[in-house]
């Protein structure tokens, strides 16, 4: 079993460390977006999606599906949160892992257990 450093990253190959960091990065970003999404009411989410889609408020034309509303709202929130890019996040994470791990959902472990799924 590999020993873990203070960031919880095993002392393995650089490729393995990169994969762990990418999984943690995706977890962190997902947690930030999910936190905001969960605070929105259904009406707020719908209005946000309308705004992103460029539809005038109160428009009856082609009401998007719930899945489309969530996708549009998530896209907007992701931009509005100004999440760091991966290299910046890694630098900040390595300086203070606990700051980021408090906000993670723990999904990164599941990402790593799915070996046939790539992480970007």
N, C-alpha and C. Protein backbone atom coordinates (compact mmCIF):
# COMPACT_ATOMS: atom_id res chain seq x y z
N UNK A 1 0.84 -1.18 0.00
CA UNK A 1 0.00 0.00 0.00
C UNK A 1 0.89 1.24 0.00
N UNK A 2 0.57 2.19 -0.85
CA UNK A 2 1.38 3.40 -0.97
C UNK A 2 1.14 4.31 0.22
N UNK A 3 2.19 4.96 0.66
CA UNK A 3 2.05 5.94 1.74
C UNK A 3 1.44 7.20 1.17
N UNK A 4 0.70 7.93 2.00
CA UNK A 4 0.06 9.16 1.57
C UNK A 4 0.83 10.35 2.12
N UNK A 5 0.95 11.37 1.29
CA UNK A 5 1.57 12.60 1.78
C UNK A 5 0.51 13.44 2.49
N UNK A 6 0.87 14.63 2.94
CA UNK A 6 -0.06 15.45 3.71
C UNK A 6 -1.31 15.85 2.92
N UNK A 7 -1.26 15.81 1.59
CA UNK A 7 -2.42 16.16 0.77
C UNK A 7 -3.29 14.95 0.49
N UNK A 8 -2.91 13.78 1.00
CA UNK A 8 -3.70 12.58 0.74
C UNK A 8 -3.38 11.96 -0.60
N UNK A 9 -2.30 12.40 -1.21
CA UNK A 9 -1.89 11.89 -2.51
C UNK A 9 -0.81 10.85 -2.29
N UNK A 10 -1.00 9.67 -2.83
CA UNK A 10 -0.01 8.61 -2.68
C UNK A 10 1.29 8.96 -3.37
N UNK A 11 2.37 8.50 -2.81
CA UNK A 11 3.68 8.75 -3.43
C UNK A 11 3.89 7.72 -4.53
N UNK A 12 3.23 7.94 -5.63
CA UNK A 12 3.31 7.04 -6.77
C UNK A 12 3.89 7.82 -7.93
N UNK A 13 3.63 7.36 -9.11
CA UNK A 13 4.15 8.04 -10.29
C UNK A 13 3.46 9.39 -10.46
N UNK A 14 4.09 10.26 -11.22
CA UNK A 14 3.53 11.57 -11.51
C UNK A 14 2.17 11.44 -12.20
N UNK A 15 2.01 10.48 -13.10
CA UNK A 15 0.73 10.29 -13.78
C UNK A 15 -0.36 9.94 -12.80
N UNK A 16 -0.05 9.12 -11.83
CA UNK A 16 -1.02 8.74 -10.82
C UNK A 16 -1.38 9.94 -9.94
N UNK A 17 -0.39 10.72 -9.56
CA UNK A 17 -0.63 11.92 -8.76
C UNK A 17 -1.50 12.91 -9.53
N UNK A 18 -1.21 13.07 -10.82
CA UNK A 18 -1.98 13.97 -11.66
C UNK A 18 -3.44 13.51 -11.73
N UNK A 19 -3.64 12.23 -11.84
CA UNK A 19 -5.00 11.68 -11.91
C UNK A 19 -5.75 11.95 -10.60
N UNK A 20 -5.08 11.79 -9.48
CA UNK A 20 -5.70 12.07 -8.18
C UNK A 20 -6.03 13.55 -8.06
N UNK A 21 -5.08 14.40 -8.43
CA UNK A 21 -5.32 15.84 -8.33
C UNK A 21 -6.46 16.27 -9.25
N UNK A 22 -6.53 15.71 -10.45
CA UNK A 22 -7.63 16.05 -11.36
C UNK A 22 -8.98 15.62 -10.79
N UNK A 23 -9.02 14.45 -10.18
CA UNK A 23 -10.26 13.98 -9.56
C UNK A 23 -10.65 14.90 -8.41
N UNK A 24 -9.68 15.32 -7.61
CA UNK A 24 -9.97 16.23 -6.50
C UNK A 24 -10.42 17.60 -7.02
N UNK A 25 -9.79 18.05 -8.09
CA UNK A 25 -10.17 19.34 -8.70
C UNK A 25 -11.62 19.29 -9.18
N UNK A 26 -11.98 18.23 -9.87
CA UNK A 26 -13.36 18.10 -10.35
C UNK A 26 -14.34 18.02 -9.18
N UNK A 27 -13.95 17.33 -8.13
CA UNK A 27 -14.78 17.23 -6.93
C UNK A 27 -14.99 18.63 -6.32
N UNK A 28 -13.91 19.37 -6.17
CA UNK A 28 -13.98 20.71 -5.59
C UNK A 28 -14.90 21.61 -6.42
N UNK A 29 -14.68 21.63 -7.74
CA UNK A 29 -15.51 22.48 -8.61
C UNK A 29 -16.97 22.05 -8.57
N UNK A 30 -17.22 20.75 -8.60
CA UNK A 30 -18.58 20.23 -8.53
C UNK A 30 -19.26 20.64 -7.23
N UNK A 31 -18.54 20.57 -6.15
CA UNK A 31 -19.10 20.94 -4.84
C UNK A 31 -19.47 22.42 -4.80
N UNK A 32 -18.62 23.25 -5.37
CA UNK A 32 -18.91 24.70 -5.39
C UNK A 32 -20.17 24.99 -6.19
N UNK A 33 -20.29 24.37 -7.38
CA UNK A 33 -21.47 24.59 -8.23
C UNK A 33 -22.71 24.00 -7.57
N UNK A 34 -22.60 22.80 -7.02
CA UNK A 34 -23.74 22.15 -6.37
C UNK A 34 -24.25 22.98 -5.20
N UNK A 35 -23.35 23.56 -4.44
CA UNK A 35 -23.76 24.37 -3.30
C UNK A 35 -24.66 25.52 -3.74
N UNK A 36 -24.27 26.20 -4.80
CA UNK A 36 -25.07 27.32 -5.30
C UNK A 36 -26.38 26.81 -5.91
N UNK A 37 -26.30 25.74 -6.69
CA UNK A 37 -27.52 25.19 -7.30
C UNK A 37 -28.55 24.79 -6.26
N UNK A 38 -28.10 24.18 -5.18
CA UNK A 38 -29.04 23.73 -4.15
C UNK A 38 -29.70 24.88 -3.40
N UNK A 39 -29.12 26.04 -3.45
CA UNK A 39 -29.70 27.21 -2.78
C UNK A 39 -30.75 27.92 -3.65
N UNK A 40 -30.78 27.60 -4.95
CA UNK A 40 -31.73 28.25 -5.85
C UNK A 40 -33.11 27.63 -5.72
N UNK A 41 -34.13 28.48 -5.77
CA UNK A 41 -35.49 27.97 -5.85
C UNK A 41 -35.73 27.53 -7.30
N UNK A 42 -36.77 26.79 -7.53
CA UNK A 42 -37.11 26.37 -8.90
C UNK A 42 -37.33 27.59 -9.79
N UNK A 43 -37.99 28.62 -9.27
CA UNK A 43 -38.22 29.83 -10.05
C UNK A 43 -36.91 30.55 -10.39
N UNK A 44 -36.00 30.63 -9.42
CA UNK A 44 -34.71 31.27 -9.68
C UNK A 44 -33.92 30.50 -10.74
N UNK A 45 -33.98 29.18 -10.67
CA UNK A 45 -33.26 28.37 -11.65
C UNK A 45 -33.85 28.59 -13.05
N UNK A 46 -35.17 28.63 -13.13
CA UNK A 46 -35.84 28.84 -14.42
C UNK A 46 -35.48 30.21 -14.99
N UNK A 47 -35.52 31.25 -14.15
CA UNK A 47 -35.17 32.59 -14.62
C UNK A 47 -33.71 32.67 -15.05
N UNK A 48 -32.85 32.02 -14.32
CA UNK A 48 -31.43 31.99 -14.69
C UNK A 48 -31.25 31.30 -16.04
N UNK A 49 -31.93 30.18 -16.23
CA UNK A 49 -31.84 29.45 -17.50
C UNK A 49 -32.39 30.29 -18.64
N UNK A 50 -33.50 31.00 -18.42
CA UNK A 50 -34.06 31.88 -19.45
C UNK A 50 -33.05 32.96 -19.83
N UNK A 51 -32.40 33.52 -18.82
CA UNK A 51 -31.41 34.56 -19.07
C UNK A 51 -30.26 34.03 -19.90
N UNK A 52 -29.78 32.85 -19.55
CA UNK A 52 -28.66 32.24 -20.28
C UNK A 52 -29.07 31.92 -21.72
N UNK A 53 -30.29 31.43 -21.88
CA UNK A 53 -30.77 31.06 -23.22
C UNK A 53 -31.11 32.29 -24.06
N UNK A 54 -31.16 33.46 -23.43
CA UNK A 54 -31.46 34.68 -24.17
C UNK A 54 -32.94 34.87 -24.45
N UNK A 55 -33.79 34.18 -23.72
CA UNK A 55 -35.23 34.32 -23.91
C UNK A 55 -35.73 35.47 -23.06
N UNK A 56 -36.68 36.24 -23.60
CA UNK A 56 -37.27 37.29 -22.78
C UNK A 56 -38.06 36.69 -21.62
N UNK A 57 -38.02 37.35 -20.48
CA UNK A 57 -38.74 36.87 -19.31
C UNK A 57 -40.22 36.74 -19.64
N UNK A 58 -40.83 35.62 -19.25
CA UNK A 58 -42.25 35.39 -19.50
C UNK A 58 -42.53 34.82 -20.88
N UNK A 59 -41.49 34.50 -21.64
CA UNK A 59 -41.66 33.95 -22.98
C UNK A 59 -42.31 32.57 -22.91
N UNK A 60 -43.26 32.32 -23.77
CA UNK A 60 -43.94 31.03 -23.82
C UNK A 60 -43.36 30.13 -24.91
N UNK A 61 -42.37 30.62 -25.65
CA UNK A 61 -41.81 29.90 -26.78
C UNK A 61 -40.89 28.78 -26.30
N UNK A 62 -41.17 27.55 -26.73
CA UNK A 62 -40.31 26.40 -26.45
C UNK A 62 -39.77 26.37 -25.02
N UNK A 63 -40.63 26.11 -24.06
CA UNK A 63 -40.21 26.00 -22.67
C UNK A 63 -39.22 24.84 -22.57
N UNK A 64 -38.00 25.11 -22.06
CA UNK A 64 -36.99 24.05 -22.00
C UNK A 64 -37.38 22.98 -20.99
N UNK A 65 -36.84 21.79 -21.20
CA UNK A 65 -37.05 20.69 -20.25
C UNK A 65 -36.32 21.02 -18.95
N UNK A 66 -36.66 20.30 -17.90
CA UNK A 66 -35.98 20.53 -16.62
C UNK A 66 -34.48 20.26 -16.76
N UNK A 67 -34.12 19.20 -17.48
CA UNK A 67 -32.70 18.88 -17.68
C UNK A 67 -31.98 20.03 -18.38
N UNK A 68 -32.64 20.65 -19.35
CA UNK A 68 -32.03 21.78 -20.07
C UNK A 68 -31.91 22.99 -19.14
N UNK A 69 -32.91 23.21 -18.31
CA UNK A 69 -32.86 24.31 -17.35
C UNK A 69 -31.68 24.13 -16.40
N UNK A 70 -31.50 22.93 -15.89
CA UNK A 70 -30.39 22.66 -14.96
C UNK A 70 -29.05 22.84 -15.68
N UNK A 71 -28.96 22.35 -16.93
CA UNK A 71 -27.71 22.49 -17.69
C UNK A 71 -27.37 23.96 -17.90
N UNK A 72 -28.36 24.74 -18.32
CA UNK A 72 -28.12 26.17 -18.57
C UNK A 72 -27.75 26.90 -17.28
N UNK A 73 -28.46 26.61 -16.21
CA UNK A 73 -28.16 27.25 -14.93
C UNK A 73 -26.76 26.86 -14.45
N UNK A 74 -26.40 25.60 -14.62
CA UNK A 74 -25.08 25.12 -14.20
C UNK A 74 -23.98 25.80 -15.02
N UNK A 75 -24.20 25.93 -16.32
CA UNK A 75 -23.21 26.62 -17.17
C UNK A 75 -22.98 28.05 -16.69
N UNK A 76 -24.06 28.75 -16.40
CA UNK A 76 -23.94 30.14 -15.95
C UNK A 76 -23.24 30.21 -14.60
N UNK A 77 -23.65 29.37 -13.66
CA UNK A 77 -23.05 29.39 -12.33
C UNK A 77 -21.56 29.07 -12.39
N UNK A 78 -21.19 28.14 -13.24
CA UNK A 78 -19.79 27.78 -13.38
C UNK A 78 -18.97 28.98 -13.83
N UNK A 79 -19.51 29.74 -14.78
CA UNK A 79 -18.81 30.95 -15.23
C UNK A 79 -18.78 32.01 -14.13
N UNK A 80 -19.92 32.21 -13.46
CA UNK A 80 -20.02 33.25 -12.45
C UNK A 80 -19.13 32.98 -11.23
N UNK A 81 -18.92 31.73 -10.90
CA UNK A 81 -18.10 31.39 -9.74
C UNK A 81 -16.61 31.65 -9.98
N UNK A 82 -16.22 31.82 -11.22
CA UNK A 82 -14.83 32.08 -11.56
C UNK A 82 -13.91 31.06 -10.89
N UNK A 83 -14.21 29.79 -11.10
CA UNK A 83 -13.39 28.72 -10.53
C UNK A 83 -11.99 28.76 -11.12
N UNK A 84 -10.99 28.43 -10.34
CA UNK A 84 -9.62 28.48 -10.87
C UNK A 84 -9.41 27.39 -11.92
N UNK A 85 -8.49 27.65 -12.85
CA UNK A 85 -8.14 26.59 -13.79
C UNK A 85 -7.30 25.55 -13.04
N UNK A 86 -7.10 24.41 -13.67
CA UNK A 86 -6.43 23.30 -12.99
C UNK A 86 -5.03 23.65 -12.48
N UNK A 87 -4.14 24.24 -13.29
CA UNK A 87 -2.79 24.55 -12.77
C UNK A 87 -2.82 25.49 -11.57
N UNK A 88 -3.67 26.50 -11.60
CA UNK A 88 -3.76 27.43 -10.47
C UNK A 88 -4.30 26.72 -9.24
N UNK A 89 -5.33 25.88 -9.45
CA UNK A 89 -5.91 25.15 -8.33
C UNK A 89 -4.87 24.24 -7.68
N UNK A 90 -4.09 23.53 -8.50
CA UNK A 90 -3.06 22.62 -7.97
C UNK A 90 -2.08 23.40 -7.11
N UNK A 91 -1.64 24.54 -7.58
CA UNK A 91 -0.70 25.35 -6.82
C UNK A 91 -1.30 25.76 -5.47
N UNK A 92 -2.53 26.22 -5.48
CA UNK A 92 -3.20 26.63 -4.25
C UNK A 92 -3.50 25.43 -3.35
N UNK A 93 -3.88 24.32 -3.96
CA UNK A 93 -4.18 23.11 -3.19
C UNK A 93 -2.94 22.59 -2.48
N UNK A 94 -1.83 22.55 -3.19
CA UNK A 94 -0.60 22.05 -2.59
C UNK A 94 -0.12 22.94 -1.45
N UNK A 95 -0.44 24.23 -1.50
CA UNK A 95 -0.06 25.15 -0.43
C UNK A 95 -0.92 24.94 0.82
N UNK A 96 -2.20 24.57 0.63
CA UNK A 96 -3.10 24.40 1.78
C UNK A 96 -4.24 23.44 1.41
N UNK A 97 -3.98 22.14 1.41
CA UNK A 97 -5.00 21.15 1.01
C UNK A 97 -6.27 21.20 1.85
N UNK A 98 -6.13 21.46 3.14
CA UNK A 98 -7.31 21.47 4.02
C UNK A 98 -8.32 22.52 3.61
N UNK A 99 -7.87 23.63 3.09
CA UNK A 99 -8.77 24.70 2.64
C UNK A 99 -9.74 24.18 1.59
N UNK A 100 -9.25 23.33 0.71
CA UNK A 100 -10.08 22.81 -0.38
C UNK A 100 -10.84 21.55 0.03
N UNK A 101 -10.20 20.71 0.82
CA UNK A 101 -10.82 19.44 1.18
C UNK A 101 -12.07 19.63 2.04
N UNK A 102 -12.16 20.74 2.76
CA UNK A 102 -13.38 21.03 3.54
C UNK A 102 -14.59 21.16 2.63
N UNK A 103 -14.36 21.59 1.40
CA UNK A 103 -15.47 21.84 0.47
C UNK A 103 -15.73 20.66 -0.48
N UNK A 104 -14.87 19.68 -0.50
CA UNK A 104 -15.05 18.55 -1.40
C UNK A 104 -16.17 17.64 -0.91
N UNK A 105 -16.78 16.95 -1.86
CA UNK A 105 -17.86 16.02 -1.55
C UNK A 105 -17.38 14.60 -1.32
N UNK A 106 -16.13 14.32 -1.68
CA UNK A 106 -15.59 12.97 -1.57
C UNK A 106 -15.79 12.15 -2.84
N UNK A 107 -16.30 12.79 -3.88
CA UNK A 107 -16.55 12.10 -5.14
C UNK A 107 -15.26 11.71 -5.85
N UNK A 108 -14.17 12.35 -5.50
CA UNK A 108 -12.91 12.08 -6.18
C UNK A 108 -12.48 10.63 -6.00
N UNK A 109 -12.81 10.04 -4.86
CA UNK A 109 -12.43 8.64 -4.63
C UNK A 109 -13.16 7.71 -5.61
N UNK A 110 -14.44 8.02 -5.84
CA UNK A 110 -15.22 7.23 -6.80
C UNK A 110 -14.68 7.41 -8.21
N UNK A 111 -14.28 8.64 -8.55
CA UNK A 111 -13.71 8.89 -9.88
C UNK A 111 -12.48 8.02 -10.11
N UNK A 112 -11.66 7.86 -9.08
CA UNK A 112 -10.45 7.06 -9.22
C UNK A 112 -10.75 5.57 -9.33
N UNK A 113 -11.86 5.14 -8.73
CA UNK A 113 -12.18 3.71 -8.77
C UNK A 113 -12.74 3.28 -10.12
N UNK A 114 -13.10 4.23 -10.95
CA UNK A 114 -13.62 3.94 -12.28
C UNK A 114 -12.46 4.03 -13.26
N UNK A 115 -11.79 2.93 -13.48
CA UNK A 115 -10.54 2.95 -14.23
C UNK A 115 -10.70 3.24 -15.72
N UNK A 116 -11.86 2.95 -16.30
CA UNK A 116 -12.01 3.15 -17.73
C UNK A 116 -12.53 4.55 -18.07
N UNK A 117 -12.70 5.40 -17.10
CA UNK A 117 -13.19 6.73 -17.34
C UNK A 117 -12.05 7.72 -17.28
N UNK A 118 -11.87 8.52 -18.32
CA UNK A 118 -10.82 9.52 -18.34
C UNK A 118 -11.19 10.72 -17.52
N UNK A 119 -10.21 11.44 -17.03
CA UNK A 119 -10.44 12.70 -16.31
C UNK A 119 -9.73 13.81 -17.03
N UNK A 120 -10.44 14.92 -17.27
CA UNK A 120 -9.83 16.08 -17.93
C UNK A 120 -9.73 17.19 -16.94
